[in-house]
């Protein structure tokens, strides 16, 4: 396996299905596209600035979507509806479908959910909700009805129940209320029955890994959604729970690259274990429900917890290996994996340009493809495509030796 990973990028194209010829499904539903390897999924935000005051234009988004399309991504996940960005995304898709007969792109539309007093100077009240939630859900319904050929899924909240989201998290009953509301709209023909409803959250609030979230409301929520959407981030746990993060004693004689490959296999297995823990909890309650990955990813730069002064987890090589491993597994299992994310966005932490949240994309803000995509640049996949007028080129000028000089091993030694 170590040898296989070390030559991983000689066959990377297969993971993206670039150039794959397929029969187009006419107006597919969520049931058709989720878990279907012909419909790769990705999280998307197109902001170029280090704030969200100025939304990406329709022209900019069309550039982005063309890039994603040649990599065979066909499902975008978005996060809220009150920003101009989502309107521009939907219009960009509409225009591209008119301009290119074979163009396909669908949306998992996020409706953001907050608790009362979220993002204010007042103490958040987690068992009460923001008045904004009703507006958000209503707008999600309006957009889904306006763009039925594009919006296939509505997600109620993003990491809205996980208690470490201290600024805004809500109790499960609040999410359940809105999921039931949307399901009722489907029953009364106010929303298409084909639109699937979910909530996208960390694996733990879905019942995996620990018992603190287990409740009758959670069981009811699992029954109410059309599928369960979980997040798993081994990268974060290289700091918070580094049980898998380090070199084993029996690996000390391997080369550095072989040691890193072995570590990344454990990171992949760690993510799979989190996924499986949710599946087991669902089954333990006698429920049959599909589980897909709403987010997973690996950042490429960081000057804090996960960087070279921390767990030494972050660089382009490890990020590429993680993407390859988790994508292979998800494809084999027929699990949709909304990889986080398509492009770097610096608004996530505008005060610290090197914060990890700003560097999860496959392509950076300068239009340079990171290591995971280098082979596609070599193959000319992005020929004639640009981002903000810039040709897609490779980070490090394509020099792997320079890239590997920045790749660090974690310092901890794990037990065999």
Protein backbone atom coordinates (compact mmCIF):
# COMPACT_ATOMS: atom_id res chain seq x y z
CA UNK A 1 0.00 0.00 0.00
CA UNK A 2 2.85 2.40 0.80
CA UNK A 3 4.32 1.84 -2.62
CA UNK A 4 0.93 2.42 -4.21
CA UNK A 5 0.53 5.77 -2.48
CA UNK A 6 4.05 6.91 -3.36
CA UNK A 7 3.15 6.67 -7.05
CA UNK A 8 -0.37 7.86 -6.50
CA UNK A 9 -0.30 10.75 -8.93
CA UNK A 10 0.49 8.63 -11.95
CA UNK A 11 -3.19 7.63 -11.94
CA UNK A 12 -4.93 10.52 -10.26
CA UNK A 13 -7.11 11.35 -13.27
CA UNK A 14 -9.31 8.34 -12.56
CA UNK A 15 -10.45 9.81 -9.24
CA UNK A 16 -11.87 12.88 -10.97
CA UNK A 17 -13.25 10.92 -13.95
CA UNK A 18 -11.88 13.60 -16.25
CA UNK A 19 -13.05 13.11 -19.81
CA UNK A 20 -15.47 10.36 -18.78
CA UNK A 21 -18.24 9.87 -21.35
CA UNK A 22 -21.60 9.21 -19.75
CA UNK A 23 -25.25 9.13 -20.65
CA UNK A 24 -26.91 12.21 -19.24
CA UNK A 25 -29.88 11.65 -16.93
CA UNK A 26 -32.66 14.05 -17.87
CA UNK A 27 -33.52 16.20 -14.83
CA UNK A 28 -32.00 13.89 -12.21
CA UNK A 29 -33.22 13.96 -8.63
CA UNK A 30 -31.23 13.83 -5.41
CA UNK A 31 -31.93 10.11 -5.37
CA UNK A 32 -30.19 9.82 -8.77
CA UNK A 33 -27.09 11.85 -7.96
CA UNK A 34 -26.22 11.17 -4.31
CA UNK A 35 -23.86 8.22 -4.07
CA UNK A 36 -23.48 8.19 -7.85
CA UNK A 37 -19.76 8.35 -8.83
CA UNK A 38 -20.70 10.10 -12.07
CA UNK A 39 -21.75 13.11 -9.99
CA UNK A 40 -18.76 14.29 -7.98
CA UNK A 41 -19.58 16.66 -5.12
CA UNK A 42 -17.71 19.67 -3.75
CA UNK A 43 -18.19 22.59 -1.38
CA UNK A 44 -18.08 25.92 -3.17
CA UNK A 45 -17.64 29.55 -2.31
CA UNK A 46 -16.35 32.01 -4.87
CA UNK A 47 -15.31 34.99 -2.74
CA UNK A 48 -12.04 36.57 -3.83
CA UNK A 49 -11.89 39.29 -1.15
CA UNK A 50 -11.04 38.86 2.54
CA UNK A 51 -14.59 39.77 3.49
CA UNK A 52 -18.05 39.04 2.09
CA UNK A 53 -19.01 42.63 1.37
CA UNK A 54 -18.59 42.07 -2.36
CA UNK A 55 -20.04 38.90 -3.86
CA UNK A 56 -18.30 37.14 -6.74
CA UNK A 57 -19.86 38.21 -10.02
CA UNK A 58 -21.76 35.93 -12.35
CA UNK A 59 -18.83 36.08 -14.76
CA UNK A 60 -16.39 35.06 -12.02
CA UNK A 61 -18.60 32.20 -10.91
CA UNK A 62 -18.94 30.97 -14.49
CA UNK A 63 -15.15 30.81 -14.67
CA UNK A 64 -15.11 28.71 -11.50
CA UNK A 65 -17.88 26.38 -12.63
CA UNK A 66 -16.13 25.67 -15.93
CA UNK A 67 -13.03 24.67 -13.97
CA UNK A 68 -15.03 22.37 -11.72
CA UNK A 69 -16.93 20.90 -14.65
CA UNK A 70 -13.79 19.67 -16.41
CA UNK A 71 -12.93 17.81 -13.19
CA UNK A 72 -16.40 16.21 -13.37
CA UNK A 73 -17.79 17.98 -10.31
CA UNK A 74 -21.53 18.23 -10.77
CA UNK A 75 -22.92 18.96 -7.29
CA UNK A 76 -22.10 22.15 -5.39
CA UNK A 77 -22.74 22.64 -1.71
CA UNK A 78 -23.55 26.20 -0.59
CA UNK A 79 -24.13 27.54 2.92
CA UNK A 80 -26.69 30.34 3.20
CA UNK A 81 -29.23 32.12 1.06
CA UNK A 82 -29.22 35.75 2.20
CA UNK A 83 -26.01 36.64 0.37
CA UNK A 84 -25.94 37.79 -3.24
CA UNK A 85 -23.51 34.98 -4.00
CA UNK A 86 -26.19 32.27 -4.13
CA UNK A 87 -28.32 34.24 -6.58
CA UNK A 88 -25.25 34.72 -8.76
CA UNK A 89 -24.41 31.00 -8.55
CA UNK A 90 -27.89 29.99 -9.68
CA UNK A 91 -27.86 32.51 -12.51
CA UNK A 92 -24.37 31.40 -13.59
CA UNK A 93 -25.52 27.78 -13.78
CA UNK A 94 -28.62 28.82 -15.71
CA UNK A 95 -26.54 30.72 -18.25
CA UNK A 96 -24.02 27.91 -18.69
CA UNK A 97 -26.80 25.39 -19.28
CA UNK A 98 -28.07 27.60 -22.11
CA UNK A 99 -24.58 28.14 -23.53
CA UNK A 100 -23.37 24.53 -23.30
CA UNK A 101 -25.86 21.78 -24.12
CA UNK A 102 -24.08 19.13 -22.02
CA UNK A 103 -23.38 21.33 -19.00
CA UNK A 104 -24.64 19.90 -15.72
CA UNK A 105 -24.40 21.41 -12.24
CA UNK A 106 -26.70 20.89 -9.27
CA UNK A 107 -26.87 22.47 -5.85
CA UNK A 108 -27.16 21.34 -2.25
CA UNK A 109 -28.59 24.59 -0.90
CA UNK A 110 -27.71 25.54 2.67
CA UNK A 111 -30.12 27.43 4.91
CA UNK A 112 -28.06 28.91 7.74
CA UNK A 113 -29.45 28.36 11.27
CA UNK A 114 -28.42 30.36 14.38
CA UNK A 115 -29.44 30.54 18.00
CA UNK A 116 -30.92 33.66 19.58
CA UNK A 117 -28.28 36.42 20.05
CA UNK A 118 -25.79 34.66 17.76
CA UNK A 119 -22.95 36.89 16.55
CA UNK A 120 -23.92 39.71 18.92
CA UNK A 121 -22.51 41.09 22.15
CA UNK A 122 -25.33 39.40 24.05
CA UNK A 123 -24.98 35.90 25.52
CA UNK A 124 -26.18 33.30 23.00
CA UNK A 125 -29.34 31.44 24.03
CA UNK A 126 -28.85 28.02 22.48
CA UNK A 127 -32.32 26.58 23.09
CA UNK A 128 -33.98 29.56 21.38
CA UNK A 129 -33.53 30.48 17.76
CA UNK A 130 -32.74 33.56 15.78
CA UNK A 131 -35.66 35.26 14.06
CA UNK A 132 -33.52 35.18 10.94
CA UNK A 133 -33.95 31.39 10.65
CA UNK A 134 -37.51 31.65 9.37
CA UNK A 135 -36.40 34.10 6.68
CA UNK A 136 -33.54 31.83 5.67
CA UNK A 137 -35.74 28.74 5.34
CA UNK A 138 -38.45 30.63 3.45
CA UNK A 139 -35.88 31.92 0.97
CA UNK A 140 -34.46 28.42 0.51
CA UNK A 141 -37.94 27.21 -0.38
CA UNK A 142 -38.47 30.09 -2.80
CA UNK A 143 -35.20 29.39 -4.57
CA UNK A 144 -35.83 25.64 -4.73
CA UNK A 145 -39.20 26.29 -6.37
CA UNK A 146 -37.69 28.84 -8.77
CA UNK A 147 -34.77 26.60 -9.80
CA UNK A 148 -36.15 23.03 -9.62
CA UNK A 149 -33.74 21.78 -12.29
CA UNK A 150 -30.73 22.96 -10.25
CA UNK A 151 -31.51 22.77 -6.51
CA UNK A 152 -31.82 19.12 -5.52
CA UNK A 153 -31.14 19.23 -1.77
CA UNK A 154 -31.84 21.68 1.06
CA UNK A 155 -29.61 21.46 4.13
CA UNK A 156 -31.01 22.96 7.33
CA UNK A 157 -28.01 24.41 9.15
CA UNK A 158 -24.27 23.94 8.93
CA UNK A 159 -22.55 22.58 12.03
CA UNK A 160 -25.52 24.12 13.80
CA UNK A 161 -25.78 21.55 16.61
CA UNK A 162 -22.16 20.91 17.53
CA UNK A 163 -21.54 22.49 20.93
CA UNK A 164 -18.07 23.79 20.14
CA UNK A 165 -19.76 26.26 17.77
CA UNK A 166 -20.27 28.37 20.87
CA UNK A 167 -21.29 31.55 19.03
CA UNK A 168 -24.37 30.12 17.37
CA UNK A 169 -25.20 26.43 17.98
CA UNK A 170 -28.80 25.40 18.53
CA UNK A 171 -30.43 22.45 20.24
CA UNK A 172 -31.61 19.53 18.12
CA UNK A 173 -35.29 20.37 18.49
CA UNK A 174 -34.78 23.59 16.51
CA UNK A 175 -33.26 21.79 13.52
CA UNK A 176 -35.97 19.13 13.79
CA UNK A 177 -38.67 21.81 13.65
CA UNK A 178 -37.41 23.15 10.32
CA UNK A 179 -36.78 19.73 8.79
CA UNK A 180 -40.36 18.74 9.63
CA UNK A 181 -41.59 22.03 8.20
CA UNK A 182 -39.88 21.38 4.88
CA UNK A 183 -41.09 17.79 4.76
CA UNK A 184 -44.63 19.04 5.36
CA UNK A 185 -44.27 21.48 2.46
CA UNK A 186 -43.38 18.51 0.26
CA UNK A 187 -46.51 16.66 1.39
CA UNK A 188 -48.70 19.65 0.54
CA UNK A 189 -47.03 20.24 -2.87
CA UNK A 190 -45.52 23.55 -1.80
CA UNK A 191 -42.07 22.08 -2.41
CA UNK A 192 -41.13 19.35 -4.87
CA UNK A 193 -41.22 15.85 -3.41
CA UNK A 194 -37.94 15.21 -5.20
CA UNK A 195 -36.03 17.78 -3.12
CA UNK A 196 -34.22 15.92 -0.36
CA UNK A 197 -33.97 17.51 3.07
CA UNK A 198 -31.01 17.07 5.43
CA UNK A 199 -28.91 18.91 8.00
CA UNK A 200 -25.14 18.92 7.63
CA UNK A 201 -23.19 18.59 10.85
CA UNK A 202 -20.17 17.16 12.56
CA UNK A 203 -20.33 13.38 13.02
CA UNK A 204 -20.77 13.65 16.81
CA UNK A 205 -24.15 15.46 16.82
CA UNK A 206 -25.35 12.71 14.48
CA UNK A 207 -24.75 10.19 17.26
CA UNK A 208 -21.25 9.05 16.39
CA UNK A 209 -18.26 8.84 18.70
CA UNK A 210 -19.88 9.90 21.97
CA UNK A 211 -23.16 9.69 23.85
CA UNK A 212 -23.63 13.31 24.94
CA UNK A 213 -25.71 14.10 21.85
CA UNK A 214 -27.91 11.01 22.06
CA UNK A 215 -31.55 11.94 22.62
CA UNK A 216 -35.06 11.16 21.47
CA UNK A 217 -34.97 14.38 19.42
CA UNK A 218 -31.89 13.13 17.57
CA UNK A 219 -33.58 9.84 16.75
CA UNK A 220 -36.60 11.76 15.50
CA UNK A 221 -34.36 14.01 13.39
CA UNK A 222 -32.64 11.02 11.79
CA UNK A 223 -36.05 9.63 10.88
CA UNK A 224 -37.19 12.99 9.50
CA UNK A 225 -34.31 13.75 7.11
CA UNK A 226 -34.04 12.12 3.69
CA UNK A 227 -30.41 11.32 4.38
CA UNK A 228 -27.77 12.10 6.99
CA UNK A 229 -24.94 14.50 6.07
CA UNK A 230 -21.87 14.26 8.30
CA UNK A 231 -18.58 16.18 8.58
CA UNK A 232 -15.29 14.51 9.41
CA UNK A 233 -11.96 16.35 9.74
CA UNK A 234 -9.00 14.22 10.82
CA UNK A 235 -6.80 17.25 10.14
CA UNK A 236 -8.31 19.08 13.10
CA UNK A 237 -7.80 16.09 15.35
CA UNK A 238 -4.09 16.05 14.66
CA UNK A 239 -4.26 18.67 17.42
CA UNK A 240 -7.41 17.86 19.42
CA UNK A 241 -7.27 14.06 19.42
CA UNK A 242 -3.97 12.94 17.88
CA UNK A 243 -4.42 9.23 18.56
CA UNK A 244 -3.50 8.39 14.96
CA UNK A 245 -1.03 11.22 14.37
CA UNK A 246 2.62 10.33 14.57
CA UNK A 247 5.23 7.83 13.42
CA UNK A 248 5.01 4.31 14.80
CA UNK A 249 8.17 2.80 16.24
CA UNK A 250 8.23 0.12 13.57
CA UNK A 251 8.09 2.81 10.85
CA UNK A 252 11.20 4.71 11.95
CA UNK A 253 13.36 3.03 9.33
CA UNK A 254 11.08 4.00 6.44
CA UNK A 255 11.77 6.99 4.24
CA UNK A 256 10.08 10.25 5.20
CA UNK A 257 7.59 9.97 2.34
CA UNK A 258 6.74 6.38 3.32
CA UNK A 259 6.23 7.48 6.92
CA UNK A 260 3.89 10.27 5.81
CA UNK A 261 1.98 7.89 3.56
CA UNK A 262 1.47 5.52 6.50
CA UNK A 263 0.26 8.39 8.69
CA UNK A 264 -2.19 9.55 6.04
CA UNK A 265 -3.61 6.04 5.76
CA UNK A 266 -4.37 6.26 9.46
CA UNK A 267 -5.97 9.67 8.94
CA UNK A 268 -8.24 8.15 6.29
CA UNK A 269 -9.12 5.26 8.60
CA UNK A 270 -9.85 7.75 11.38
CA UNK A 271 -12.38 9.52 9.13
CA UNK A 272 -13.94 6.20 8.13
CA UNK A 273 -14.30 5.23 11.78
CA UNK A 274 -16.18 8.47 12.46
CA UNK A 275 -18.46 7.76 9.51
CA UNK A 276 -19.05 4.20 10.68
CA UNK A 277 -19.82 5.33 14.23
CA UNK A 278 -22.76 7.34 12.87
CA UNK A 279 -23.97 4.42 10.77
CA UNK A 280 -23.80 2.16 13.82
CA UNK A 281 -25.78 4.60 15.96
CA UNK A 282 -28.47 4.91 13.30
CA UNK A 283 -28.75 1.13 12.98
CA UNK A 284 -28.81 0.70 16.76
CA UNK A 285 -32.06 2.67 16.72
CA UNK A 286 -33.57 0.42 14.08
CA UNK A 287 -33.39 3.06 11.34
CA UNK A 288 -32.32 2.60 7.74
CA UNK A 289 -30.96 5.86 6.39
CA UNK A 290 -28.32 6.76 3.81
CA UNK A 291 -25.27 8.59 5.20
CA UNK A 292 -23.14 10.83 2.98
CA UNK A 293 -20.19 13.09 3.78
CA UNK A 294 -21.21 16.74 3.74
CA UNK A 295 -17.68 17.96 4.41
CA UNK A 296 -14.19 16.67 4.70
CA UNK A 297 -10.91 18.21 3.62
CA UNK A 298 -7.33 19.08 4.45
CA UNK A 299 -5.83 22.57 4.48
CA UNK A 300 -2.50 23.38 2.84
CA UNK A 301 -1.18 26.32 4.90
CA UNK A 302 -1.39 27.27 8.56
CA UNK A 303 0.59 29.30 11.11
CA UNK A 304 -1.34 28.06 14.14
CA UNK A 305 -2.44 24.72 15.62
CA UNK A 306 -1.86 22.51 12.58
CA UNK A 307 1.22 24.14 11.07
CA UNK A 308 4.91 23.62 11.63
CA UNK A 309 4.68 25.12 15.12
CA UNK A 310 1.83 22.76 15.96
CA UNK A 311 0.90 19.26 14.78
CA UNK A 312 2.81 19.66 11.48
CA UNK A 313 -0.21 18.34 9.62
CA UNK A 314 -0.58 20.90 6.88
CA UNK A 315 1.05 21.02 3.47
CA UNK A 316 0.05 20.35 -0.12
CA UNK A 317 1.45 16.81 -0.17
CA UNK A 318 -0.57 15.57 2.82
CA UNK A 319 -3.66 17.36 1.53
CA UNK A 320 -3.37 15.63 -1.84
CA UNK A 321 -2.85 12.21 -0.28
CA UNK A 322 -5.86 12.64 2.01
CA UNK A 323 -8.07 13.69 -0.89
CA UNK A 324 -6.96 10.69 -2.94
CA UNK A 325 -7.55 8.18 -0.14
CA UNK A 326 -10.92 9.43 1.10
CA UNK A 327 -12.20 9.89 -2.48
CA UNK A 328 -11.23 6.36 -3.46
CA UNK A 329 -12.99 4.95 -0.41
CA UNK A 330 -16.15 7.05 -0.85
CA UNK A 331 -16.40 6.20 -4.55
CA UNK A 332 -16.04 2.49 -3.83
CA UNK A 333 -18.70 2.68 -1.12
CA UNK A 334 -21.05 4.78 -3.32
CA UNK A 335 -20.98 7.60 -0.80
CA UNK A 336 -21.17 11.22 -1.92
CA UNK A 337 -18.24 13.16 -0.49
CA UNK A 338 -18.64 16.95 -0.63
CA UNK A 339 -14.96 17.77 -0.51
CA UNK A 340 -14.06 21.03 1.22
CA UNK A 341 -13.37 23.00 -0.86
CA UNK A 342 -12.98 24.07 -4.47
CA UNK A 343 -11.10 27.38 -4.09
CA UNK A 344 -9.28 29.17 -1.27
CA UNK A 345 -11.31 31.92 0.38
CA UNK A 346 -9.57 34.41 2.62
CA UNK A 347 -12.70 35.85 4.27
CA UNK A 348 -12.86 32.86 6.62
CA UNK A 349 -10.25 34.60 8.78
CA UNK A 350 -9.51 38.02 7.35
CA UNK A 351 -7.30 39.04 10.28
CA UNK A 352 -4.85 36.17 9.74
CA UNK A 353 -4.08 35.41 6.08
CA UNK A 354 -2.24 32.22 7.06
CA UNK A 355 -5.11 30.77 9.09
CA UNK A 356 -5.93 27.22 8.00
CA UNK A 357 -9.57 28.05 7.18
CA UNK A 358 -8.34 30.28 4.34
CA UNK A 359 -6.44 27.47 2.62
CA UNK A 360 -8.68 24.44 2.02
CA UNK A 361 -9.13 24.96 -1.72
CA UNK A 362 -7.73 22.96 -4.64
CA UNK A 363 -6.83 26.27 -6.30
CA UNK A 364 -5.45 29.30 -4.50
CA UNK A 365 -6.40 32.95 -4.88
CA UNK A 366 -3.66 33.47 -7.48
CA UNK A 367 -5.20 30.88 -9.78
CA UNK A 368 -2.55 28.27 -9.04
CA UNK A 369 -3.53 24.62 -8.84
CA UNK A 370 -2.21 22.88 -5.75
CA UNK A 371 -0.39 19.54 -5.79
CA UNK A 372 -3.60 17.46 -5.97
CA UNK A 373 -4.29 19.01 -9.40
CA UNK A 374 -0.81 19.29 -10.87
CA UNK A 375 -1.31 16.35 -13.23
CA UNK A 376 -4.38 17.98 -14.71
CA UNK A 377 -2.34 21.06 -15.55
CA UNK A 378 0.23 18.81 -17.25
CA UNK A 379 -2.49 17.06 -19.24
CA UNK A 380 -3.96 20.36 -20.43
CA UNK A 381 -7.30 19.77 -18.71
CA UNK A 382 -7.54 23.49 -17.92
CA UNK A 383 -6.49 24.62 -21.39
CA UNK A 384 -8.35 27.77 -22.41
CA UNK A 385 -9.83 28.11 -18.89
CA UNK A 386 -8.91 30.99 -16.59
CA UNK A 387 -9.71 32.34 -13.15
CA UNK A 388 -9.94 36.12 -12.95
CA UNK A 389 -8.23 36.15 -16.32
CA UNK A 390 -5.26 34.08 -15.11
CA UNK A 391 -4.24 30.80 -16.69
CA UNK A 392 -4.33 27.87 -14.27
CA UNK A 393 -0.72 27.03 -13.43
CA UNK A 394 0.92 24.98 -10.68
CA UNK A 395 2.01 26.04 -7.21
CA UNK A 396 5.77 25.90 -6.56
CA UNK A 397 6.13 26.31 -10.35
CA UNK A 398 5.55 22.59 -10.49
CA UNK A 399 8.78 21.83 -8.60
CA UNK A 400 8.04 18.85 -6.36
CA UNK A 401 11.46 19.06 -4.68
CA UNK A 402 10.63 22.56 -3.43
CA UNK A 403 7.20 21.41 -2.29
CA UNK A 404 8.57 18.45 -0.34
CA UNK A 405 11.07 20.67 1.49
CA UNK A 406 8.10 22.15 3.36
CA UNK A 407 6.60 18.78 4.30
CA UNK A 408 7.18 18.03 7.98
CA UNK A 409 6.82 14.84 9.99
CA UNK A 410 4.88 14.94 13.25
CA UNK A 411 7.21 14.61 16.22
CA UNK A 412 5.18 12.12 18.27
CA UNK A 413 5.97 8.42 18.33
CA UNK A 414 2.92 6.13 18.39
CA UNK A 415 2.76 2.73 19.99
CA UNK A 416 2.71 -0.16 17.55
